[in-house]
């Protein structure tokens, strides 16, 4: 292998790493994120992230059960539930647009959404 082959390999590796960084950054960078709480397929709460929301807890009661969510700095988690397996509580924090927490017995979904219109944009993860 010549010296120029080694330079070419290093340049290709650097460009690949930079490309991976940009894809990861743009795919997970959610501008104007908000929390969508859905019970039985219907959105019951839409909560915006903000400095005044950090540390707040919100009760979600329905005919199917009870859940309590906690809002952090750009993230959310379920801290209490009356479902038998408590998988939603064990899941922990979610913070990126498209991430979800699901409680099947209570038919509750907590999802982080982005207010950007994603129909016109490239899906960076699959392209």
C-alpha atoms as a PDB file:
ATOM      1  CA  UNK A   1       0.000   0.000   0.000  1.00  0.00           C
ATOM      2  CA  UNK A   2       1.367   3.369  -0.958  1.00  0.00           C
ATOM      3  CA  UNK A   3       1.350   6.512   1.101  1.00  0.00           C
ATOM      4  CA  UNK A   4      -1.481   7.971  -1.030  1.00  0.00           C
ATOM      5  CA  UNK A   5      -3.635   4.894  -0.405  1.00  0.00           C
ATOM      6  CA  UNK A   6      -3.293   5.481   3.336  1.00  0.00           C
ATOM      7  CA  UNK A   7      -4.239   9.153   2.909  1.00  0.00           C
ATOM      8  CA  UNK A   8      -7.272   8.145   0.880  1.00  0.00           C
ATOM      9  CA  UNK A   9      -8.403   5.664   3.551  1.00  0.00           C
ATOM     10  CA  UNK A  10      -8.050   8.288   6.295  1.00  0.00           C
ATOM     11  CA  UNK A  11      -9.978  10.875   4.258  1.00  0.00           C
ATOM     12  CA  UNK A  12     -12.797   8.406   3.534  1.00  0.00           C
ATOM     13  CA  UNK A  13     -13.014   7.475   7.238  1.00  0.00           C
ATOM     14  CA  UNK A  14     -13.153  11.125   8.311  1.00  0.00           C
ATOM     15  CA  UNK A  15     -15.854  11.934   5.750  1.00  0.00           C
ATOM     16  CA  UNK A  16     -17.848   8.889   6.866  1.00  0.00           C
ATOM     17  CA  UNK A  17     -17.703   9.914  10.530  1.00  0.00           C
ATOM     18  CA  UNK A  18     -18.707  13.491   9.708  1.00  0.00           C
ATOM     19  CA  UNK A  19     -21.594  12.167   7.606  1.00  0.00           C
ATOM     20  CA  UNK A  20     -22.788   9.901  10.416  1.00  0.00           C
ATOM     21  CA  UNK A  21     -22.685  12.832  12.857  1.00  0.00           C
ATOM     22  CA  UNK A  22     -24.793  15.062  10.592  1.00  0.00           C
ATOM     23  CA  UNK A  23     -27.338  12.332   9.885  1.00  0.00           C
ATOM     24  CA  UNK A  24     -27.698  11.605  13.588  1.00  0.00           C
ATOM     25  CA  UNK A  25     -27.947  15.310  14.450  1.00  0.00           C
ATOM     26  CA  UNK A  26     -30.563  16.172  11.830  1.00  0.00           C
ATOM     27  CA  UNK A  27     -32.602  13.007  12.364  1.00  0.00           C
ATOM     28  CA  UNK A  28     -32.948  13.549  16.106  1.00  0.00           C
ATOM     29  CA  UNK A  29     -32.982  17.345  16.310  1.00  0.00           C
ATOM     30  CA  UNK A  30     -36.585  18.207  17.079  1.00  0.00           C
ATOM     31  CA  UNK A  31     -37.434  21.860  16.930  1.00  0.00           C
ATOM     32  CA  UNK A  32     -40.475  22.837  18.978  1.00  0.00           C
ATOM     33  CA  UNK A  33     -40.965  19.433  20.542  1.00  0.00           C
ATOM     34  CA  UNK A  34     -44.101  18.689  22.500  1.00  0.00           C
ATOM     35  CA  UNK A  35     -45.631  15.766  24.375  1.00  0.00           C
ATOM     36  CA  UNK A  36     -48.719  14.083  22.972  1.00  0.00           C
ATOM     37  CA  UNK A  37     -50.681  11.935  25.432  1.00  0.00           C
ATOM     38  CA  UNK A  38     -53.192   9.632  23.790  1.00  0.00           C
ATOM     39  CA  UNK A  39     -55.742   7.427  25.509  1.00  0.00           C
ATOM     40  CA  UNK A  40     -57.621   4.844  23.456  1.00  0.00           C
ATOM     41  CA  UNK A  41     -56.279   6.400  20.238  1.00  0.00           C
ATOM     42  CA  UNK A  42     -57.464   9.937  20.972  1.00  0.00           C
ATOM     43  CA  UNK A  43     -55.091  12.759  21.913  1.00  0.00           C
ATOM     44  CA  UNK A  44     -56.143  13.898  25.386  1.00  0.00           C
ATOM     45  CA  UNK A  45     -53.235  16.205  26.259  1.00  0.00           C
ATOM     46  CA  UNK A  46     -50.725  18.232  24.276  1.00  0.00           C
ATOM     47  CA  UNK A  47     -47.956  19.581  26.497  1.00  0.00           C
ATOM     48  CA  UNK A  48     -45.183  21.925  25.349  1.00  0.00           C
ATOM     49  CA  UNK A  49     -41.723  21.694  26.845  1.00  0.00           C
ATOM     50  CA  UNK A  50     -40.536  24.749  28.715  1.00  0.00           C
ATOM     51  CA  UNK A  51     -38.492  25.854  31.697  1.00  0.00           C
ATOM     52  CA  UNK A  52     -41.663  26.198  33.772  1.00  0.00           C
ATOM     53  CA  UNK A  53     -42.608  22.551  33.074  1.00  0.00           C
ATOM     54  CA  UNK A  54     -39.407  20.926  34.364  1.00  0.00           C
ATOM     55  CA  UNK A  55     -40.183  18.701  37.337  1.00  0.00           C
ATOM     56  CA  UNK A  56     -43.960  18.876  36.932  1.00  0.00           C
ATOM     57  CA  UNK A  57     -46.081  15.764  37.171  1.00  0.00           C
ATOM     58  CA  UNK A  58     -49.351  15.258  35.337  1.00  0.00           C
ATOM     59  CA  UNK A  59     -51.999  12.699  36.230  1.00  0.00           C
ATOM     60  CA  UNK A  60     -53.675  10.855  33.390  1.00  0.00           C
ATOM     61  CA  UNK A  61     -56.885   9.193  34.516  1.00  0.00           C
ATOM     62  CA  UNK A  62     -59.238   7.359  32.205  1.00  0.00           C
ATOM     63  CA  UNK A  63     -61.791   4.580  32.328  1.00  0.00           C
ATOM     64  CA  UNK A  64     -58.936   2.171  31.553  1.00  0.00           C
ATOM     65  CA  UNK A  65     -56.572   3.142  34.379  1.00  0.00           C
ATOM     66  CA  UNK A  66     -54.252   5.671  35.962  1.00  0.00           C
ATOM     67  CA  UNK A  67     -50.796   6.913  34.947  1.00  0.00           C
ATOM     68  CA  UNK A  68     -48.620   9.765  36.159  1.00  0.00           C
ATOM     69  CA  UNK A  69     -45.998  11.345  33.907  1.00  0.00           C
ATOM     70  CA  UNK A  70     -43.053  13.530  34.901  1.00  0.00           C
ATOM     71  CA  UNK A  71     -41.645  16.189  32.604  1.00  0.00           C
ATOM     72  CA  UNK A  72     -37.921  16.899  32.583  1.00  0.00           C
ATOM     73  CA  UNK A  73     -35.661  19.143  30.533  1.00  0.00           C
ATOM     74  CA  UNK A  74     -36.818  18.164  27.030  1.00  0.00           C
ATOM     75  CA  UNK A  75     -37.782  14.668  28.132  1.00  0.00           C
ATOM     76  CA  UNK A  76     -40.657  12.785  29.753  1.00  0.00           C
ATOM     77  CA  UNK A  77     -41.266   9.533  31.611  1.00  0.00           C
ATOM     78  CA  UNK A  78     -44.047   7.610  33.335  1.00  0.00           C
ATOM     79  CA  UNK A  79     -43.392   7.476  37.079  1.00  0.00           C
ATOM     80  CA  UNK A  80     -46.546   5.764  38.303  1.00  0.00           C
ATOM     81  CA  UNK A  81     -49.130   3.405  36.820  1.00  0.00           C
ATOM     82  CA  UNK A  82     -51.795   1.015  38.051  1.00  0.00           C
ATOM     83  CA  UNK A  83     -51.167  -1.575  35.329  1.00  0.00           C
ATOM     84  CA  UNK A  84     -49.928  -4.989  36.518  1.00  0.00           C
ATOM     85  CA  UNK A  85     -46.610  -5.195  34.622  1.00  0.00           C
ATOM     86  CA  UNK A  86     -45.504  -1.519  34.884  1.00  0.00           C
ATOM     87  CA  UNK A  87     -43.471  -1.754  31.673  1.00  0.00           C
ATOM     88  CA  UNK A  88     -44.196   1.904  30.956  1.00  0.00           C
ATOM     89  CA  UNK A  89     -42.604   2.908  34.267  1.00  0.00           C
ATOM     90  CA  UNK A  90     -39.579   0.683  33.643  1.00  0.00           C
ATOM     91  CA  UNK A  91     -38.968   2.198  30.200  1.00  0.00           C
ATOM     92  CA  UNK A  92     -37.583   5.435  31.658  1.00  0.00           C
ATOM     93  CA  UNK A  93     -37.026   8.755  29.941  1.00  0.00           C
ATOM     94  CA  UNK A  94     -37.725   9.517  26.283  1.00  0.00           C
ATOM     95  CA  UNK A  95     -36.487  12.696  24.631  1.00  0.00           C
ATOM     96  CA  UNK A  96     -36.426  12.454  20.840  1.00  0.00           C
ATOM     97  CA  UNK A  97     -39.244  13.092  18.384  1.00  0.00           C
ATOM     98  CA  UNK A  98     -40.910   9.820  17.479  1.00  0.00           C
ATOM     99  CA  UNK A  99     -40.049   8.057  20.737  1.00  0.00           C
ATOM    100  CA  UNK A 100     -43.024   6.579  22.590  1.00  0.00           C
ATOM    101  CA  UNK A 101     -43.997   5.044  25.908  1.00  0.00           C
ATOM    102  CA  UNK A 102     -46.945   2.669  25.709  1.00  0.00           C
ATOM    103  CA  UNK A 103     -49.134   1.261  28.482  1.00  0.00           C
ATOM    104  CA  UNK A 104     -51.303  -1.374  26.805  1.00  0.00           C
ATOM    105  CA  UNK A 105     -53.570  -2.240  29.772  1.00  0.00           C
ATOM    106  CA  UNK A 106     -54.446   1.454  30.202  1.00  0.00           C
ATOM    107  CA  UNK A 107     -54.505   2.132  26.426  1.00  0.00           C
ATOM    108  CA  UNK A 108     -52.205   5.100  26.961  1.00  0.00           C
ATOM    109  CA  UNK A 109     -49.439   6.350  24.657  1.00  0.00           C
ATOM    110  CA  UNK A 110     -46.988   9.135  25.496  1.00  0.00           C
ATOM    111  CA  UNK A 111     -45.182  10.355  22.387  1.00  0.00           C
ATOM    112  CA  UNK A 112     -42.747  13.158  21.709  1.00  0.00           C
ATOM    113  CA  UNK A 113     -43.641  14.957  18.511  1.00  0.00           C
ATOM    114  CA  UNK A 114     -42.070  17.792  16.563  1.00  0.00           C
ATOM    115  CA  UNK A 115     -44.081  20.699  15.209  1.00  0.00           C
ATOM    116  CA  UNK A 116     -42.003  20.741  12.020  1.00  0.00           C
ATOM    117  CA  UNK A 117     -43.921  19.654   8.949  1.00  0.00           C
ATOM    118  CA  UNK A 118     -42.169  16.359   8.309  1.00  0.00           C
ATOM    119  CA  UNK A 119     -44.109  15.505   5.132  1.00  0.00           C
ATOM    120  CA  UNK A 120     -41.880  17.685   2.951  1.00  0.00           C
ATOM    121  CA  UNK A 121     -38.555  16.672   4.454  1.00  0.00           C
ATOM    122  CA  UNK A 122     -36.225  13.805   3.770  1.00  0.00           C
ATOM    123  CA  UNK A 123     -36.295  10.941   6.216  1.00  0.00           C
ATOM    124  CA  UNK A 124     -32.610  10.980   7.214  1.00  0.00           C
ATOM    125  CA  UNK A 125     -32.712   7.619   8.925  1.00  0.00           C
ATOM    126  CA  UNK A 126     -33.943   5.581   5.970  1.00  0.00           C
ATOM    127  CA  UNK A 127     -32.225   7.489   3.130  1.00  0.00           C
END
